[in-house]
Amino acid sequence: MDTLPVRMPPLGRLTAVIVAAVAVCSLAACATISVSSNVNAALVHRVQCHSFAWAGSLPPGGPLSATLANPVNEAQLRSAIQTHLQAAGVQPVTAGADCLVGYGIGLHHVWEGWGGGGWGWGWGWGWGWGPWWGGPYVYPEAIIGVDLYDARSGQPVWHAYAREDAAALRGARAAQGIDAAVAAIFTKYPG
């Protein structure tokens, strides 16, 4: 039996395909994370952030310190923020920073689908007027926030936060979830 030779693509082309696939998946992950942002219009064009320092850290012993706001997630959050700031040309310094960076991780419960009576499936077959109960759907939602302050005046320059499923920020998936949330946040970065 004759076999045909299998032609393998060159390593460079294969690498390009893998990089493109990872980029598309990363962008898709950012698209599913809800981000809100606010800019201080009076300061955003006057403050030039070429360097930054941290405004503080998460308080130890808070109600979320055993789950979301733990030291491991905090380190991952700081790393992700620093990576995105450096990509924007803002370098970390220990003294004399142009801007201060604050951050936080929080959790709240979202209630959706609270219903009452109305048109819908009633008793028996067919449509009609009758009581139905959709019932609430309650789920935990994590919020990751990033704040940028003018170091000289202490005034806020930019605030953004991402809302994500709390399960994405726990356990083995926490690093990926935090990175995805911060990447989504920095799509709104004004710098």
N, C-alpha and C. Protein backbone atom coordinates (compact mmCIF):
# COMPACT_ATOMS: atom_id res chain seq x y z
N MET A 1 0.84 -1.17 0.00
CA MET A 1 0.00 0.00 0.00
C MET A 1 0.88 1.23 0.00
N ASP A 2 0.59 2.14 -0.89
CA ASP A 2 1.36 3.38 -0.98
C ASP A 2 0.79 4.40 0.00
N THR A 3 1.67 5.13 0.61
CA THR A 3 1.22 6.21 1.49
C THR A 3 1.65 7.52 0.88
N LEU A 4 0.80 8.48 1.05
CA LEU A 4 1.11 9.82 0.56
C LEU A 4 1.85 10.58 1.64
N PRO A 5 2.83 11.35 1.26
CA PRO A 5 3.52 12.13 2.28
C PRO A 5 2.59 13.22 2.82
N VAL A 6 2.66 13.42 4.11
CA VAL A 6 1.87 14.47 4.74
C VAL A 6 2.71 15.73 4.78
N ARG A 7 2.16 16.79 4.25
CA ARG A 7 2.88 18.05 4.22
C ARG A 7 2.50 18.87 5.44
N MET A 8 3.44 19.15 6.28
CA MET A 8 3.21 19.94 7.49
C MET A 8 3.44 21.40 7.16
N PRO A 9 2.61 22.27 7.70
CA PRO A 9 2.84 23.69 7.46
C PRO A 9 4.12 24.13 8.14
N PRO A 10 4.75 25.15 7.61
CA PRO A 10 5.96 25.66 8.25
C PRO A 10 5.64 26.12 9.67
N LEU A 11 6.60 26.00 10.56
CA LEU A 11 6.40 26.35 11.96
C LEU A 11 5.97 27.80 12.11
N GLY A 12 6.49 28.68 11.30
CA GLY A 12 6.13 30.10 11.39
C GLY A 12 4.65 30.32 11.11
N ARG A 13 4.11 29.63 10.11
CA ARG A 13 2.70 29.80 9.79
C ARG A 13 1.83 29.17 10.87
N LEU A 14 2.22 28.03 11.38
CA LEU A 14 1.48 27.38 12.45
C LEU A 14 1.46 28.26 13.70
N THR A 15 2.59 28.85 14.03
CA THR A 15 2.66 29.75 15.17
C THR A 15 1.73 30.95 14.98
N ALA A 16 1.71 31.50 13.77
CA ALA A 16 0.83 32.64 13.49
C ALA A 16 -0.64 32.25 13.65
N VAL A 17 -1.00 31.06 13.22
CA VAL A 17 -2.37 30.60 13.36
C VAL A 17 -2.74 30.44 14.83
N ILE A 18 -1.83 29.88 15.62
CA ILE A 18 -2.09 29.70 17.06
C ILE A 18 -2.22 31.05 17.74
N VAL A 19 -1.33 31.99 17.44
CA VAL A 19 -1.40 33.33 18.03
C VAL A 19 -2.71 34.01 17.66
N ALA A 20 -3.12 33.89 16.40
CA ALA A 20 -4.39 34.50 15.97
C ALA A 20 -5.57 33.87 16.70
N ALA A 21 -5.55 32.56 16.87
CA ALA A 21 -6.65 31.88 17.57
C ALA A 21 -6.72 32.33 19.03
N VAL A 22 -5.58 32.46 19.68
CA VAL A 22 -5.55 32.92 21.07
C VAL A 22 -6.06 34.36 21.15
N ALA A 23 -5.67 35.21 20.21
CA ALA A 23 -6.12 36.60 20.21
C ALA A 23 -7.63 36.70 20.03
N VAL A 24 -8.18 35.90 19.12
CA VAL A 24 -9.62 35.91 18.90
C VAL A 24 -10.35 35.44 20.15
N CYS A 25 -9.85 34.39 20.77
CA CYS A 25 -10.48 33.89 22.00
C CYS A 25 -10.39 34.92 23.12
N SER A 26 -9.27 35.62 23.22
CA SER A 26 -9.12 36.65 24.25
C SER A 26 -10.09 37.79 24.02
N LEU A 27 -10.22 38.23 22.77
CA LEU A 27 -11.17 39.30 22.46
C LEU A 27 -12.60 38.85 22.73
N ALA A 28 -12.91 37.62 22.45
CA ALA A 28 -14.25 37.10 22.72
C ALA A 28 -14.52 37.10 24.21
N ALA A 29 -13.51 36.78 25.01
CA ALA A 29 -13.68 36.80 26.46
C ALA A 29 -13.94 38.22 26.95
N CYS A 30 -13.25 39.21 26.38
CA CYS A 30 -13.47 40.61 26.77
C CYS A 30 -14.86 41.07 26.38
N ALA A 31 -15.37 40.57 25.26
CA ALA A 31 -16.66 41.01 24.77
C ALA A 31 -17.79 40.56 25.69
N THR A 32 -17.60 39.51 26.45
CA THR A 32 -18.66 39.00 27.30
C THR A 32 -18.64 39.61 28.69
N ILE A 33 -17.65 40.40 29.00
CA ILE A 33 -17.54 41.02 30.31
C ILE A 33 -18.06 42.45 30.21
N SER A 34 -19.03 42.78 31.04
CA SER A 34 -19.63 44.11 31.04
C SER A 34 -18.68 45.09 31.74
N VAL A 35 -18.36 46.20 31.07
CA VAL A 35 -17.45 47.20 31.63
C VAL A 35 -18.14 48.56 31.61
N SER A 36 -18.00 49.29 32.70
CA SER A 36 -18.47 50.67 32.78
C SER A 36 -17.28 51.55 33.13
N SER A 37 -17.29 52.77 32.61
CA SER A 37 -16.15 53.65 32.80
C SER A 37 -16.62 55.08 32.98
N ASN A 38 -15.83 55.87 33.70
CA ASN A 38 -16.13 57.28 33.89
C ASN A 38 -14.81 58.03 33.89
N VAL A 39 -14.79 59.17 33.21
CA VAL A 39 -13.57 59.96 33.08
C VAL A 39 -13.83 61.36 33.65
N ASN A 40 -12.88 61.88 34.38
CA ASN A 40 -12.94 63.25 34.86
C ASN A 40 -12.50 64.14 33.70
N ALA A 41 -13.48 64.71 32.99
CA ALA A 41 -13.21 65.47 31.76
C ALA A 41 -12.31 66.68 32.03
N ALA A 42 -12.39 67.26 33.22
CA ALA A 42 -11.57 68.43 33.54
C ALA A 42 -10.10 68.08 33.70
N LEU A 43 -9.79 66.85 34.07
CA LEU A 43 -8.40 66.47 34.33
C LEU A 43 -7.77 65.56 33.29
N VAL A 44 -8.57 64.79 32.59
CA VAL A 44 -8.02 63.70 31.77
C VAL A 44 -7.01 64.18 30.73
N HIS A 45 -7.17 65.38 30.21
CA HIS A 45 -6.23 65.87 29.20
C HIS A 45 -5.08 66.68 29.80
N ARG A 46 -5.23 67.08 31.07
CA ARG A 46 -4.16 67.84 31.72
C ARG A 46 -3.16 66.94 32.44
N VAL A 47 -3.63 65.82 32.93
CA VAL A 47 -2.77 64.92 33.70
C VAL A 47 -2.08 63.95 32.74
N GLN A 48 -0.77 63.96 32.76
CA GLN A 48 0.02 63.05 31.93
C GLN A 48 0.60 61.96 32.83
N CYS A 49 0.07 60.76 32.68
CA CYS A 49 0.53 59.63 33.50
C CYS A 49 1.64 58.88 32.76
N HIS A 50 2.87 59.19 33.12
CA HIS A 50 4.01 58.46 32.57
C HIS A 50 4.55 57.46 33.60
N SER A 51 4.16 57.68 34.86
CA SER A 51 4.59 56.78 35.93
C SER A 51 3.44 56.63 36.93
N PHE A 52 3.47 55.52 37.67
CA PHE A 52 2.42 55.28 38.65
C PHE A 52 2.97 54.59 39.89
N ALA A 53 2.20 54.75 40.97
CA ALA A 53 2.44 54.03 42.22
C ALA A 53 1.08 53.54 42.69
N TRP A 54 1.09 52.58 43.57
CA TRP A 54 -0.17 52.03 44.08
C TRP A 54 -0.72 52.95 45.15
N ALA A 55 -2.03 53.18 45.12
CA ALA A 55 -2.70 54.04 46.10
C ALA A 55 -2.88 53.32 47.43
N GLY A 56 -2.83 52.02 47.44
CA GLY A 56 -3.01 51.25 48.66
C GLY A 56 -3.17 49.78 48.31
N SER A 57 -3.75 49.04 49.24
CA SER A 57 -3.99 47.62 48.99
C SER A 57 -5.32 47.24 49.62
N LEU A 58 -5.77 46.02 49.34
CA LEU A 58 -7.03 45.56 49.91
C LEU A 58 -6.88 45.40 51.42
N PRO A 59 -7.90 45.81 52.18
CA PRO A 59 -7.79 45.68 53.63
C PRO A 59 -7.85 44.21 54.05
N PRO A 60 -6.94 43.79 54.91
CA PRO A 60 -6.96 42.39 55.36
C PRO A 60 -8.14 42.14 56.30
N GLY A 61 -8.63 40.92 56.28
CA GLY A 61 -9.67 40.53 57.22
C GLY A 61 -11.07 41.00 56.89
N GLY A 62 -11.28 41.51 55.68
CA GLY A 62 -12.62 41.94 55.28
C GLY A 62 -13.52 40.74 55.04
N PRO A 63 -14.80 41.00 54.76
CA PRO A 63 -15.75 39.90 54.58
C PRO A 63 -15.45 39.02 53.37
N LEU A 64 -14.71 39.53 52.39
CA LEU A 64 -14.40 38.73 51.20
C LEU A 64 -12.96 38.23 51.19
N SER A 65 -12.24 38.42 52.28
CA SER A 65 -10.82 38.05 52.28
C SER A 65 -10.60 36.55 52.16
N ALA A 66 -11.58 35.74 52.49
CA ALA A 66 -11.43 34.29 52.35
C ALA A 66 -11.86 33.81 50.97
N THR A 67 -12.49 34.68 50.18
CA THR A 67 -12.97 34.24 48.86
C THR A 67 -12.32 35.08 47.77
N LEU A 68 -12.97 36.15 47.33
CA LEU A 68 -12.47 36.92 46.19
C LEU A 68 -11.32 37.85 46.52
N ALA A 69 -11.42 38.57 47.63
CA ALA A 69 -10.43 39.60 47.96
C ALA A 69 -9.29 39.01 48.79
N ASN A 70 -8.76 37.89 48.33
CA ASN A 70 -7.66 37.26 49.07
C ASN A 70 -6.32 37.72 48.52
N PRO A 71 -5.23 37.47 49.23
CA PRO A 71 -3.92 37.96 48.79
C PRO A 71 -3.47 37.41 47.43
N VAL A 72 -3.85 36.21 47.09
CA VAL A 72 -3.46 35.64 45.79
C VAL A 72 -4.17 36.38 44.65
N ASN A 73 -5.47 36.61 44.80
CA ASN A 73 -6.21 37.36 43.78
C ASN A 73 -5.73 38.80 43.71
N GLU A 74 -5.39 39.39 44.86
CA GLU A 74 -4.88 40.76 44.86
C GLU A 74 -3.57 40.85 44.08
N ALA A 75 -2.67 39.90 44.29
CA ALA A 75 -1.40 39.89 43.56
C ALA A 75 -1.64 39.73 42.06
N GLN A 76 -2.59 38.87 41.70
CA GLN A 76 -2.91 38.68 40.28
C GLN A 76 -3.51 39.95 39.69
N LEU A 77 -4.37 40.62 40.45
CA LEU A 77 -5.00 41.86 39.99
C LEU A 77 -3.95 42.94 39.80
N ARG A 78 -3.05 43.09 40.76
CA ARG A 78 -1.97 44.08 40.62
C ARG A 78 -1.11 43.79 39.39
N SER A 79 -0.78 42.54 39.21
CA SER A 79 0.06 42.15 38.07
C SER A 79 -0.63 42.47 36.74
N ALA A 80 -1.91 42.14 36.65
CA ALA A 80 -2.65 42.41 35.41
C ALA A 80 -2.76 43.90 35.14
N ILE A 81 -3.03 44.69 36.18
CA ILE A 81 -3.12 46.15 36.00
C ILE A 81 -1.77 46.70 35.58
N GLN A 82 -0.70 46.28 36.25
CA GLN A 82 0.64 46.76 35.90
C GLN A 82 1.00 46.41 34.46
N THR A 83 0.67 45.21 34.03
CA THR A 83 0.95 44.79 32.66
C THR A 83 0.27 45.71 31.66
N HIS A 84 -0.99 46.03 31.91
CA HIS A 84 -1.73 46.89 30.97
C HIS A 84 -1.25 48.33 31.03
N LEU A 85 -0.90 48.82 32.20
CA LEU A 85 -0.36 50.18 32.29
C LEU A 85 0.98 50.28 31.57
N GLN A 86 1.84 49.29 31.76
CA GLN A 86 3.14 49.31 31.09
C GLN A 86 2.97 49.23 29.58
N ALA A 87 2.00 48.46 29.11
CA ALA A 87 1.73 48.39 27.68
C ALA A 87 1.29 49.75 27.14
N ALA A 88 0.68 50.57 28.01
CA ALA A 88 0.26 51.92 27.61
C ALA A 88 1.36 52.95 27.84
N GLY A 89 2.54 52.51 28.26
CA GLY A 89 3.67 53.41 28.45
C GLY A 89 3.74 54.04 29.83
N VAL A 90 3.01 53.52 30.79
CA VAL A 90 3.01 54.04 32.17
C VAL A 90 3.83 53.08 33.02
N GLN A 91 4.93 53.58 33.59
CA GLN A 91 5.88 52.73 34.30
C GLN A 91 5.72 52.83 35.81
N PRO A 92 5.91 51.72 36.53
CA PRO A 92 5.83 51.78 38.00
C PRO A 92 7.07 52.44 38.60
N VAL A 93 6.85 53.25 39.63
CA VAL A 93 7.95 53.89 40.36
C VAL A 93 7.63 53.79 41.85
N THR A 94 8.65 53.97 42.67
CA THR A 94 8.44 53.92 44.12
C THR A 94 8.26 55.32 44.71
N ALA A 95 8.70 56.35 43.99
CA ALA A 95 8.55 57.73 44.48
C ALA A 95 8.38 58.66 43.29
N GLY A 96 7.65 59.74 43.51
CA GLY A 96 7.49 60.76 42.48
C GLY A 96 6.59 60.35 41.32
N ALA A 97 5.59 59.54 41.57
CA ALA A 97 4.70 59.07 40.50
C ALA A 97 3.80 60.20 40.00
N ASP A 98 3.47 60.15 38.72
CA ASP A 98 2.52 61.09 38.14
C ASP A 98 1.09 60.74 38.57
N CYS A 99 0.80 59.45 38.65
CA CYS A 99 -0.55 58.98 38.97
C CYS A 99 -0.51 57.89 40.03
N LEU A 100 -1.61 57.77 40.75
CA LEU A 100 -1.79 56.71 41.72
C LEU A 100 -2.87 55.78 41.20
N VAL A 101 -2.70 54.48 41.44
CA VAL A 101 -3.65 53.48 40.96
C VAL A 101 -4.29 52.78 42.15
N GLY A 102 -5.62 52.79 42.16
CA GLY A 102 -6.38 52.07 43.16
C GLY A 102 -7.14 50.94 42.48
N TYR A 103 -7.55 49.97 43.25
CA TYR A 103 -8.25 48.81 42.68
C TYR A 103 -9.10 48.17 43.77
N GLY A 104 -9.99 47.31 43.36
CA GLY A 104 -10.81 46.60 44.33
C GLY A 104 -11.51 45.42 43.70
N ILE A 105 -11.88 44.48 44.55
CA ILE A 105 -12.68 43.32 44.14
C ILE A 105 -13.86 43.26 45.09
N GLY A 106 -15.06 43.15 44.54
CA GLY A 106 -16.25 43.07 45.37
C GLY A 106 -17.20 42.01 44.87
N LEU A 107 -18.25 41.80 45.62
CA LEU A 107 -19.23 40.78 45.28
C LEU A 107 -20.60 41.27 45.69
N HIS A 108 -21.59 41.04 44.84
CA HIS A 108 -22.96 41.31 45.22
C HIS A 108 -23.86 40.30 44.51
N HIS A 109 -25.10 40.25 44.93
CA HIS A 109 -26.04 39.31 44.33
C HIS A 109 -26.97 40.04 43.38
N VAL A 110 -27.13 39.48 42.21
CA VAL A 110 -27.99 40.05 41.18
C VAL A 110 -29.30 39.27 41.17
N TRP A 111 -30.40 40.00 41.17
CA TRP A 111 -31.74 39.40 41.11
C TRP A 111 -32.29 39.68 39.73
N GLU A 112 -32.61 38.65 39.00
CA GLU A 112 -33.21 38.80 37.67
C GLU A 112 -34.47 37.97 37.58
N GLY A 113 -35.37 38.39 36.69
CA GLY A 113 -36.55 37.59 36.39
C GLY A 113 -37.63 37.65 37.44
N TRP A 114 -37.66 38.73 38.22
CA TRP A 114 -38.71 38.85 39.21
C TRP A 114 -40.01 39.07 38.46
N GLY A 115 -40.95 38.16 38.61
CA GLY A 115 -42.18 38.24 37.83
C GLY A 115 -43.42 38.24 38.69
N GLY A 116 -44.52 38.36 38.02
CA GLY A 116 -45.81 38.34 38.69
C GLY A 116 -46.83 37.82 37.70
N GLY A 117 -48.06 38.28 37.77
CA GLY A 117 -49.09 37.84 36.84
C GLY A 117 -48.94 38.51 35.49
N GLY A 118 -49.57 37.94 34.49
CA GLY A 118 -49.53 38.54 33.17
C GLY A 118 -49.89 37.53 32.12
N TRP A 119 -49.75 37.91 30.86
CA TRP A 119 -50.01 36.98 29.78
C TRP A 119 -48.95 35.91 29.76
N GLY A 120 -49.35 34.72 29.50
CA GLY A 120 -48.41 33.61 29.45
C GLY A 120 -49.17 32.31 29.56
N TRP A 121 -48.47 31.28 29.83
CA TRP A 121 -49.12 29.99 29.98
C TRP A 121 -49.93 30.01 31.26
N GLY A 122 -51.21 29.83 31.11
CA GLY A 122 -52.10 29.77 32.27
C GLY A 122 -52.32 28.31 32.64
N TRP A 123 -53.40 28.05 33.34
CA TRP A 123 -53.72 26.68 33.72
C TRP A 123 -54.30 25.97 32.51
N GLY A 124 -53.86 24.79 32.23
CA GLY A 124 -54.39 24.02 31.10
C GLY A 124 -53.61 24.31 29.83
N TRP A 125 -54.28 24.12 28.69
CA TRP A 125 -53.62 24.27 27.39
C TRP A 125 -53.85 25.66 26.83
N GLY A 126 -52.84 26.17 26.11
CA GLY A 126 -53.01 27.42 25.35
C GLY A 126 -52.65 28.65 26.16
N TRP A 127 -52.76 29.77 25.44
CA TRP A 127 -52.46 31.06 26.04
C TRP A 127 -53.70 31.60 26.73
N GLY A 128 -53.48 32.42 27.71
CA GLY A 128 -54.59 33.05 28.40
C GLY A 128 -54.08 33.92 29.52
N TRP A 129 -54.99 34.55 30.17
CA TRP A 129 -54.63 35.39 31.30
C TRP A 129 -54.64 34.52 32.54
N GLY A 130 -53.60 34.58 33.27
CA GLY A 130 -53.56 33.78 34.48
C GLY A 130 -52.28 34.02 35.24
N PRO A 131 -52.25 33.62 36.47
CA PRO A 131 -51.04 33.85 37.26
C PRO A 131 -49.92 32.92 36.79
N TRP A 132 -48.74 33.46 36.72
CA TRP A 132 -47.55 32.66 36.46
C TRP A 132 -46.44 33.25 37.31
N TRP A 133 -45.52 32.44 37.60
CA TRP A 133 -44.44 32.91 38.45
C TRP A 133 -43.12 32.50 37.85
N GLY A 134 -42.41 33.49 37.31
CA GLY A 134 -41.09 33.23 36.78
C GLY A 134 -40.09 33.02 37.89
N GLY A 135 -40.38 33.63 39.02
CA GLY A 135 -39.47 33.50 40.15
C GLY A 135 -38.17 34.24 39.90
N PRO A 136 -37.52 34.68 40.93
CA PRO A 136 -36.25 35.37 40.73
C PRO A 136 -35.11 34.38 40.49
N TYR A 137 -34.20 34.81 39.67
CA TYR A 137 -32.96 34.08 39.47
C TYR A 137 -31.88 34.92 40.15
N VAL A 138 -31.25 34.39 41.16
CA VAL A 138 -30.26 35.12 41.93
C VAL A 138 -28.90 34.47 41.73
N TYR A 139 -27.91 35.30 41.40
CA TYR A 139 -26.57 34.76 41.24
C TYR A 139 -25.54 35.77 41.75
N PRO A 140 -24.40 35.28 42.22
CA PRO A 140 -23.36 36.19 42.69
C PRO A 140 -22.58 36.77 41.51
N GLU A 141 -22.31 38.05 41.60
CA GLU A 141 -21.56 38.72 40.55
C GLU A 141 -20.37 39.43 41.18
N ALA A 142 -19.21 39.25 40.59
CA ALA A 142 -18.00 39.90 41.07
C ALA A 142 -17.81 41.21 40.32
N ILE A 143 -17.27 42.18 41.01
CA ILE A 143 -16.96 43.47 40.41
C ILE A 143 -15.49 43.74 40.68
N ILE A 144 -14.76 44.03 39.61
CA ILE A 144 -13.36 44.42 39.72
C ILE A 144 -13.27 45.86 39.25
N GLY A 145 -12.70 46.71 40.10
CA GLY A 145 -12.60 48.13 39.77
C GLY A 145 -11.15 48.59 39.73
N VAL A 146 -10.90 49.56 38.84
CA VAL A 146 -9.58 50.19 38.73
C VAL A 146 -9.80 51.69 38.73
N ASP A 147 -9.03 52.40 39.55
CA ASP A 147 -9.13 53.86 39.63
C ASP A 147 -7.76 54.48 39.39
N LEU A 148 -7.76 55.60 38.70
CA LEU A 148 -6.53 56.33 38.41
C LEU A 148 -6.69 57.73 38.99
N TYR A 149 -5.72 58.16 39.81
CA TYR A 149 -5.76 59.46 40.46
C TYR A 149 -4.55 60.29 40.04
N ASP A 150 -4.73 61.61 39.99
CA ASP A 150 -3.61 62.53 39.82
C ASP A 150 -2.85 62.53 41.14
N ALA A 151 -1.57 62.17 41.11
CA ALA A 151 -0.79 62.04 42.35
C ALA A 151 -0.57 63.40 43.03
N ARG A 152 -0.54 64.47 42.24
CA ARG A 152 -0.27 65.79 42.83
C ARG A 152 -1.49 66.34 43.58
N SER A 153 -2.66 66.23 42.98
CA SER A 153 -3.86 66.80 43.59
C SER A 153 -4.70 65.78 44.34
N GLY A 154 -4.52 64.50 44.06
CA GLY A 154 -5.34 63.45 44.67
C GLY A 154 -6.70 63.31 44.01
N GLN A 155 -6.95 64.07 42.95
CA GLN A 155 -8.24 64.05 42.26
C GLN A 155 -8.35 62.81 41.37
N PRO A 156 -9.55 62.22 41.30
CA PRO A 156 -9.73 61.07 40.41
C PRO A 156 -9.69 61.51 38.94
N VAL A 157 -9.04 60.68 38.12
CA VAL A 157 -8.94 60.95 36.68
C VAL A 157 -9.82 59.98 35.91
N TRP A 158 -9.80 58.71 36.30
CA TRP A 158 -10.51 57.66 35.56
C TRP A 158 -10.95 56.56 36.51
N HIS A 159 -12.13 56.05 36.27
CA HIS A 159 -12.66 54.92 37.03
C HIS A 159 -13.29 53.95 36.03
N ALA A 160 -13.03 52.69 36.20
CA ALA A 160 -13.68 51.67 35.37
C ALA A 160 -13.86 50.41 36.21
N TYR A 161 -14.93 49.70 35.92
CA TYR A 161 -15.15 48.43 36.60
C TYR A 161 -15.76 47.42 35.66
N ALA A 162 -15.46 46.18 35.93
CA ALA A 162 -15.98 45.06 35.13
C ALA A 162 -16.84 44.19 36.03
N ARG A 163 -17.92 43.70 35.46
CA ARG A 163 -18.82 42.79 36.17
C ARG A 163 -18.65 41.41 35.56
N GLU A 164 -18.40 40.44 36.42
CA GLU A 164 -18.14 39.09 35.94
C GLU A 164 -18.74 38.06 36.89
N ASP A 165 -19.00 36.90 36.37
CA ASP A 165 -19.50 35.79 37.19
C ASP A 165 -18.49 35.53 38.30
N ALA A 166 -18.97 35.48 39.52
CA ALA A 166 -18.08 35.29 40.66
C ALA A 166 -17.31 33.97 40.59
N ALA A 167 -17.89 32.97 39.97
CA ALA A 167 -17.21 31.67 39.87
C ALA A 167 -15.95 31.78 39.03
N ALA A 168 -15.89 32.76 38.13
CA ALA A 168 -14.70 32.94 37.28
C ALA A 168 -13.52 33.49 38.06
N LEU A 169 -13.73 33.94 39.28
CA LEU A 169 -12.64 34.53 40.07
C LEU A 169 -12.28 33.68 41.28
N ARG A 170 -12.63 32.42 41.23
CA ARG A 170 -12.32 31.52 42.35
C ARG A 170 -11.53 30.32 41.85
N GLY A 171 -10.69 29.81 42.72
CA GLY A 171 -9.98 28.57 42.41
C GLY A 171 -9.00 28.70 41.26
N ALA A 172 -8.89 27.62 40.52
CA ALA A 172 -7.90 27.54 39.44
C ALA A 172 -8.18 28.53 38.31
N ARG A 173 -9.44 28.94 38.15
CA ARG A 173 -9.79 29.86 37.06
C ARG A 173 -9.61 31.33 37.44
N ALA A 174 -9.24 31.63 38.67
CA ALA A 174 -9.18 33.01 39.15
C ALA A 174 -8.21 33.87 38.34
N ALA A 175 -7.02 33.35 38.07
CA ALA A 175 -6.03 34.15 37.34
C ALA A 175 -6.54 34.51 35.95
N GLN A 176 -7.14 33.56 35.25
CA GLN A 176 -7.67 33.83 33.91
C GLN A 176 -8.84 34.81 33.98
N GLY A 177 -9.71 34.65 34.98
CA GLY A 177 -10.85 35.54 35.12
C GLY A 177 -10.43 36.96 35.42
N ILE A 178 -9.45 37.12 36.30
CA ILE A 178 -8.95 38.46 36.64
C ILE A 178 -8.27 39.08 35.43
N ASP A 179 -7.44 38.31 34.73
CA ASP A 179 -6.77 38.84 33.54
C ASP A 179 -7.79 39.28 32.49
N ALA A 180 -8.83 38.48 32.28
CA ALA A 180 -9.86 38.83 31.30
C ALA A 180 -10.61 40.09 31.71
N ALA A 181 -10.93 40.22 32.99
CA ALA A 181 -11.65 41.40 33.47
C ALA A 181 -10.79 42.66 33.32
N VAL A 182 -9.52 42.57 33.68
CA VAL A 182 -8.63 43.73 33.56
C VAL A 182 -8.41 44.09 32.09
N ALA A 183 -8.28 43.09 31.23
CA ALA A 183 -8.15 43.37 29.80
C ALA A 183 -9.39 44.11 29.29
N ALA A 184 -10.56 43.69 29.74
CA ALA A 184 -11.80 44.35 29.34
C ALA A 184 -11.84 45.78 29.88
N ILE A 185 -11.42 45.98 31.13
CA ILE A 185 -11.38 47.31 31.73
C ILE A 185 -10.49 48.25 30.92
N PHE A 186 -9.33 47.75 30.53
CA PHE A 186 -8.36 48.62 29.83
C PHE A 186 -8.74 48.91 28.38
N THR A 187 -9.83 48.32 27.89
CA THR A 187 -10.34 48.75 26.59
C THR A 187 -10.95 50.15 26.72
N LYS A 188 -11.24 50.59 27.96
CA LYS A 188 -11.81 51.91 28.23
C LYS A 188 -10.76 52.90 28.74
N TYR A 189 -9.50 52.49 28.80
CA TYR A 189 -8.44 53.36 29.34
C TYR A 189 -8.28 54.60 28.47
N PRO A 190 -8.31 55.80 29.07
CA PRO A 190 -8.26 57.02 28.26
C PRO A 190 -6.86 57.44 27.82
N GLY A 191 -5.82 56.77 28.30
CA GLY A 191 -4.45 57.19 28.03
C GLY A 191 -3.90 56.87 26.73
